[in-house]
Amino acid sequence: MALACCRALRSTHTLSAGAEAAAREQDEKDDWSRISALNLNGAATSLCYFDAKGMRFHLPAYLIADLHGQLTQDIRFHLNIRGLDARFSLLTLAQRKAVRAFLKLQLELLQKPNQLIESAAIHASIDGYWAEGVQTKVRFTRRGDE
């Protein structure tokens, strides 16, 4: 699902095939650095719907916008959620290192006592899924193939 589709869905809750195609035409497909923070914030639910290819393309834009203080959503949640690792399966080693560095910076910024639970989740992600040397390939099996 693309950014424009998520914006359209948010306003109408349904999207016809024609409207989805028109929305997709508006999306940036070649250079993530041309996606504005305004567009990212207007499609706040997009991170929930990206497949691995979409996440690989859009994640740098989200990380940069967050680092510049322009993102109105909490990207840390999406980087720490368990069970959705397949969304990050196409990230390169350099991209994984960037996410790890981003999460480490977030730990330094979390200073309030009410953020201890979030800090623990980030630590677990850094030491788990985002740990150096962790393979990103996700194997899907059908029932009976285990």
Protein backbone atom coordinates (compact mmCIF):
# COMPACT_ATOMS: atom_id res chain seq x y z
CA MET A 1 0.00 0.00 0.00
CA ALA A 2 1.35 3.40 -0.92
CA LEU A 3 1.27 6.73 0.92
CA ALA A 4 -1.48 8.28 -1.19
CA CYS A 5 -3.67 5.19 -0.77
CA CYS A 6 -3.39 5.46 3.00
CA ARG A 7 -4.32 9.16 2.92
CA ALA A 8 -7.35 8.39 0.75
CA LEU A 9 -8.41 5.49 2.96
CA ARG A 10 -8.16 7.65 6.06
CA SER A 11 -10.58 10.17 4.61
CA THR A 12 -13.09 7.76 3.04
CA HIS A 13 -12.53 4.37 4.81
CA THR A 14 -13.03 2.70 1.42
CA LEU A 15 -11.17 2.95 -1.84
CA SER A 16 -12.38 1.85 -5.24
CA ALA A 17 -9.96 0.26 -7.69
CA GLY A 18 -9.94 3.42 -9.80
CA ALA A 19 -9.34 5.67 -6.80
CA GLU A 20 -6.54 3.40 -5.62
CA ALA A 21 -4.87 3.54 -9.04
CA ALA A 22 -5.19 7.34 -9.10
CA ALA A 23 -3.74 7.58 -5.59
CA ARG A 24 -0.81 5.34 -6.50
CA GLU A 25 0.00 7.61 -9.47
CA GLN A 26 0.66 10.45 -7.00
CA ASP A 27 3.26 8.48 -5.05
CA GLU A 28 6.99 8.95 -5.35
CA LYS A 29 8.45 5.73 -6.71
CA ASP A 30 12.05 6.56 -7.58
CA ASP A 31 13.65 8.72 -4.87
CA TRP A 32 12.57 8.47 -1.24
CA SER A 33 14.37 11.76 -0.44
CA ARG A 34 11.69 13.60 -2.47
CA ILE A 35 8.95 12.48 -0.05
CA SER A 36 8.12 15.37 2.25
CA ALA A 37 7.48 15.05 5.95
CA LEU A 38 4.04 16.50 5.23
CA ASN A 39 3.25 13.51 2.99
CA LEU A 40 4.64 11.07 5.55
CA ASN A 41 2.54 12.61 8.31
CA GLY A 42 -0.53 12.64 6.08
CA ALA A 43 -0.23 8.87 5.71
CA ALA A 44 0.47 7.96 9.31
CA THR A 45 -0.83 4.39 8.97
CA SER A 46 1.36 3.54 5.97
CA LEU A 47 4.04 1.86 8.07
CA CYS A 48 1.46 -0.74 9.09
CA TYR A 49 0.81 -1.73 5.48
CA PHE A 50 4.18 -1.68 3.76
CA ASP A 51 5.51 -4.96 2.51
CA ALA A 52 9.28 -5.56 2.60
CA LYS A 53 9.84 -3.72 -0.68
CA GLY A 54 7.78 -0.71 0.40
CA MET A 55 9.47 -0.60 3.79
CA ARG A 56 12.94 -0.71 2.22
CA PHE A 57 12.03 2.26 0.01
CA HIS A 58 10.17 4.43 2.56
CA LEU A 59 12.01 3.74 5.83
CA PRO A 60 14.89 6.16 5.17
CA ALA A 61 12.41 9.00 4.63
CA TYR A 62 10.69 8.22 7.94
CA LEU A 63 13.97 7.98 9.85
CA ILE A 64 15.30 11.27 8.45
CA ALA A 65 12.01 13.09 9.13
CA ASP A 66 12.03 11.78 12.70
CA LEU A 67 15.64 12.86 13.25
CA HIS A 68 14.74 16.36 12.01
CA GLY A 69 11.79 16.50 14.42
CA GLN A 70 9.29 16.65 11.55
CA LEU A 71 7.49 13.35 12.06
CA THR A 72 4.26 13.47 14.06
CA GLN A 73 4.05 9.69 14.54
CA ASP A 74 6.16 7.35 16.62
CA ILE A 75 8.27 5.25 14.29
CA ARG A 76 9.89 3.43 17.23
CA PHE A 77 6.75 1.35 17.64
CA HIS A 78 7.11 -0.05 14.12
CA LEU A 79 10.78 -0.84 14.62
CA ASN A 80 10.13 -2.71 17.88
CA ILE A 81 6.98 -4.68 17.09
CA ARG A 82 7.53 -8.41 17.15
CA GLY A 83 6.12 -10.79 14.60
CA LEU A 84 6.36 -8.40 11.67
CA ASP A 85 10.02 -9.00 10.89
CA ALA A 86 9.17 -9.90 7.29
CA ARG A 87 8.60 -6.20 6.59
CA PHE A 88 12.32 -5.61 7.17
CA SER A 89 13.62 -8.70 5.38
CA LEU A 90 14.92 -6.79 2.33
CA LEU A 91 16.98 -4.24 4.26
CA THR A 92 20.69 -4.28 3.48
CA LEU A 93 23.32 -4.62 6.17
CA ALA A 94 23.95 -0.85 5.97
CA GLN A 95 20.22 -0.14 6.39
CA ARG A 96 20.02 -2.49 9.37
CA LYS A 97 23.00 -0.71 10.94
CA ALA A 98 21.26 2.64 10.37
CA VAL A 99 18.11 1.37 12.13
CA ARG A 100 20.23 0.06 15.01
CA ALA A 101 22.00 3.44 15.33
CA PHE A 102 18.64 5.22 15.18
CA LEU A 103 17.27 3.05 18.01
CA LYS A 104 20.39 3.61 20.11
CA LEU A 105 19.93 7.36 19.69
CA GLN A 106 16.29 7.01 20.71
CA LEU A 107 17.44 5.33 23.94
CA GLU A 108 19.59 8.34 24.73
CA LEU A 109 16.62 10.64 24.15
CA LEU A 110 14.24 8.66 26.39
CA GLN A 111 14.90 10.21 29.79
CA LYS A 112 11.50 10.31 31.46
CA PRO A 113 10.59 7.63 34.06
CA ASN A 114 7.31 6.86 32.26
CA GLN A 115 9.35 5.78 29.22
CA LEU A 116 11.05 2.83 30.95
CA ILE A 117 8.80 0.27 29.26
CA GLU A 118 9.56 1.74 25.85
CA SER A 119 13.28 1.77 26.69
CA ALA A 120 13.10 -1.91 27.59
CA ALA A 121 11.39 -2.68 24.27
CA ILE A 122 14.06 -0.80 22.34
CA HIS A 123 16.83 -2.61 24.23
CA ALA A 124 15.18 -5.94 23.43
CA SER A 125 14.95 -5.03 19.73
CA ILE A 126 18.58 -3.88 19.58
CA ASP A 127 19.74 -7.07 21.26
CA GLY A 128 17.32 -9.23 19.28
CA TYR A 129 16.09 -8.58 15.77
CA TRP A 130 18.35 -5.57 15.09
CA ALA A 131 21.46 -7.15 16.66
CA GLU A 132 24.60 -7.19 14.56
CA GLY A 133 24.94 -10.42 12.65
CA VAL A 134 21.24 -11.35 12.78
CA GLN A 135 20.12 -12.70 9.43
CA THR A 136 17.17 -10.91 7.88
CA LYS A 137 15.86 -13.74 5.75
CA VAL A 138 12.41 -14.79 6.80
CA ARG A 139 11.30 -18.30 5.93
CA PHE A 140 7.62 -18.87 5.36
CA THR A 141 6.30 -22.39 5.64
CA ARG A 142 3.01 -23.96 4.75
CA ARG A 143 1.23 -26.18 7.22
CA GLY A 144 2.77 -29.60 7.17
CA ASP A 145 6.12 -28.32 5.86
CA GLU A 146 7.57 -27.52 9.29
